[in-house]
Protein backbone atom coordinates (compact mmCIF):
# COMPACT_ATOMS: atom_id res chain seq x y z
CA MET A 1 9.50 24.25 28.85
CA LYS A 2 6.60 21.88 29.37
CA GLN A 3 3.08 23.11 30.03
CA VAL A 4 1.95 23.17 33.68
CA TYR A 5 -1.18 21.24 34.64
CA ALA A 6 -3.01 20.75 37.91
CA ASN A 7 -0.66 18.46 39.85
CA THR A 8 0.42 17.87 43.41
CA VAL A 9 4.05 18.84 42.72
CA VAL A 10 5.31 21.66 40.50
CA GLN A 11 8.92 22.26 39.57
CA PHE A 12 10.13 25.87 39.79
CA ASP A 13 11.41 25.99 36.21
CA ASP A 14 8.13 24.62 34.83
CA VAL A 15 6.26 27.78 35.84
CA PRO A 16 6.57 30.76 33.49
CA VAL A 17 8.05 34.05 34.67
CA VAL A 18 5.66 37.02 34.80
CA HIS A 19 7.26 40.45 34.34
CA ALA A 20 4.09 42.58 34.19
CA ARG A 21 4.03 43.42 37.91
CA GLY A 22 7.74 44.10 38.26
CA GLY A 23 10.71 41.83 38.76
CA GLN A 24 10.55 38.14 37.95
CA MET A 25 7.44 36.57 39.45
CA ARG A 26 6.38 32.94 39.36
CA VAL A 27 2.97 31.88 40.65
CA LEU A 28 3.86 28.39 41.80
CA GLY A 29 0.80 27.30 43.73
CA SER A 30 -2.52 28.19 42.13
CA PRO A 31 -5.65 26.54 40.74
CA ALA A 32 -3.86 26.24 37.37
CA THR A 33 -0.62 24.73 38.64
CA VAL A 34 -1.54 22.43 41.53
CA GLY A 35 -5.31 22.67 41.68
CA ALA A 36 -5.18 24.91 44.78
CA SER A 37 -8.62 25.84 46.06
CA GLN A 38 -7.79 28.19 48.93
CA LEU A 39 -4.69 30.26 48.05
CA ILE A 40 -2.02 31.22 45.60
CA MET A 41 1.68 31.11 46.43
CA GLY A 42 4.66 32.32 44.52
CA HIS A 43 8.21 33.58 44.27
CA VAL A 44 9.59 36.99 43.25
CA LEU A 45 13.12 38.03 42.37
CA LEU A 46 13.84 41.77 42.26
CA GLN A 47 17.09 43.24 41.00
CA ALA A 48 18.58 46.31 42.73
CA GLY A 49 16.23 49.26 42.23
CA GLU A 50 13.35 47.14 40.91
CA GLU A 51 9.92 47.14 42.52
CA ILE A 52 6.68 45.24 42.63
CA LYS A 53 4.12 47.68 41.28
CA GLU A 54 1.46 49.03 43.62
CA HIS A 55 -1.62 46.84 43.76
CA LEU A 56 -4.25 45.50 46.14
CA HIS A 57 -6.27 42.38 46.74
CA ASP A 58 -10.01 42.83 47.22
CA TYR A 59 -10.62 39.29 48.47
CA GLY A 60 -7.62 38.11 50.44
CA GLU A 61 -4.66 39.08 52.54
CA GLU A 62 -1.08 38.55 51.46
CA SER A 63 1.84 37.30 53.53
CA VAL A 64 5.33 37.98 52.19
CA PHE A 65 8.53 36.39 53.49
CA VAL A 66 11.84 38.00 52.55
CA ILE A 67 14.36 35.24 51.86
CA ARG A 68 17.19 37.66 51.09
CA GLY A 69 17.69 41.33 50.35
CA LEU A 70 16.90 44.71 51.78
CA GLY A 71 14.15 47.14 50.90
CA THR A 72 10.91 48.87 51.76
CA ALA A 73 7.33 47.65 51.76
CA PHE A 74 4.90 50.52 51.27
CA ILE A 75 1.50 49.61 52.72
CA GLU A 76 -1.11 52.33 52.27
CA ASP A 77 1.85 54.70 51.60
CA THR A 78 3.45 53.92 54.97
CA PRO A 79 7.05 52.72 54.50
CA HIS A 80 8.19 49.63 56.39
CA SER A 81 11.85 48.56 56.30
CA ILE A 82 12.19 44.91 55.34
CA GLN A 83 15.22 42.66 55.30
CA GLU A 84 16.03 39.01 54.91
CA GLN A 85 14.33 36.56 57.21
CA CYS A 86 11.35 38.80 57.95
CA LEU A 87 7.69 38.46 57.14
CA PHE A 88 5.09 41.14 56.56
CA ILE A 89 1.37 40.92 56.03
CA VAL A 90 -0.91 43.05 53.88
CA ARG A 91 -4.58 43.07 54.87
CA LYS A 92 -7.43 42.74 52.38
CA GLY A 93 -7.92 45.95 50.37
CA GLU A 94 -4.63 47.62 51.39
CA ARG A 95 -2.55 49.18 48.60
CA HIS A 96 1.02 47.91 48.66
CA ARG A 97 4.28 47.74 46.74
CA VAL A 98 7.83 46.57 47.46
CA VAL A 99 11.07 48.30 46.45
CA ASN A 100 14.47 46.59 46.46
CA GLU A 101 16.79 49.20 47.95
CA GLY A 102 19.74 46.92 48.52
CA PRO A 103 22.81 46.53 46.36
CA GLY A 104 21.91 42.98 45.32
CA GLU A 105 18.92 40.84 44.51
CA MET A 106 15.87 40.64 46.76
CA GLU A 107 14.11 37.29 46.91
CA LEU A 108 10.56 36.98 48.24
CA VAL A 109 7.95 34.27 48.72
CA PHE A 110 4.30 35.27 48.91
CA ALA A 111 0.95 33.65 49.66
CA THR A 112 -2.49 35.19 49.22
CA ALA A 113 -5.66 33.72 50.70
CA PRO A 114 -8.51 33.20 50.29
CA LEU A 115 -8.79 32.98 46.54
CA ALA A 116 -10.87 35.52 44.66
CA PRO A 117 -13.87 34.28 42.64
CA SER A 118 -11.81 34.67 39.44
CA PRO A 119 -8.15 35.32 38.57
CA GLU A 120 -9.05 38.74 37.14
CA SER A 121 -10.63 39.87 40.41
CA GLY A 122 -7.84 38.62 42.67
CA HIS A 123 -5.33 41.38 41.94
CA ARG A 124 -5.98 45.01 41.09
CA ASP A 125 -3.29 47.47 39.94
CA VAL A 126 -3.69 50.99 41.33
């Protein structure tokens, strides 16, 4: 796999998979990958029963589009049923996590904006 640099175009397979937050996450659009200055954007694949660990964003809000699958988004402990072809939004500072409750894979695309002052301050596990 080649190293990713700030470009205009990034190929999916050129971005490393992150497992630390649950599932298989790729941060495709970011300052490191495409030189983004306003947001990050990425892709998540969750297997049946997997979840994105609870976290929050102190600086931005996150929009999540469900490409396929069935599950629950917990926002501030309130469960919201989600299914393919739906979008949900998480406001700045709200705790949230996603659980794949379907029999198959759940595929998500997310975008968070605006960017935090540093990568370390953009995402906080709770």
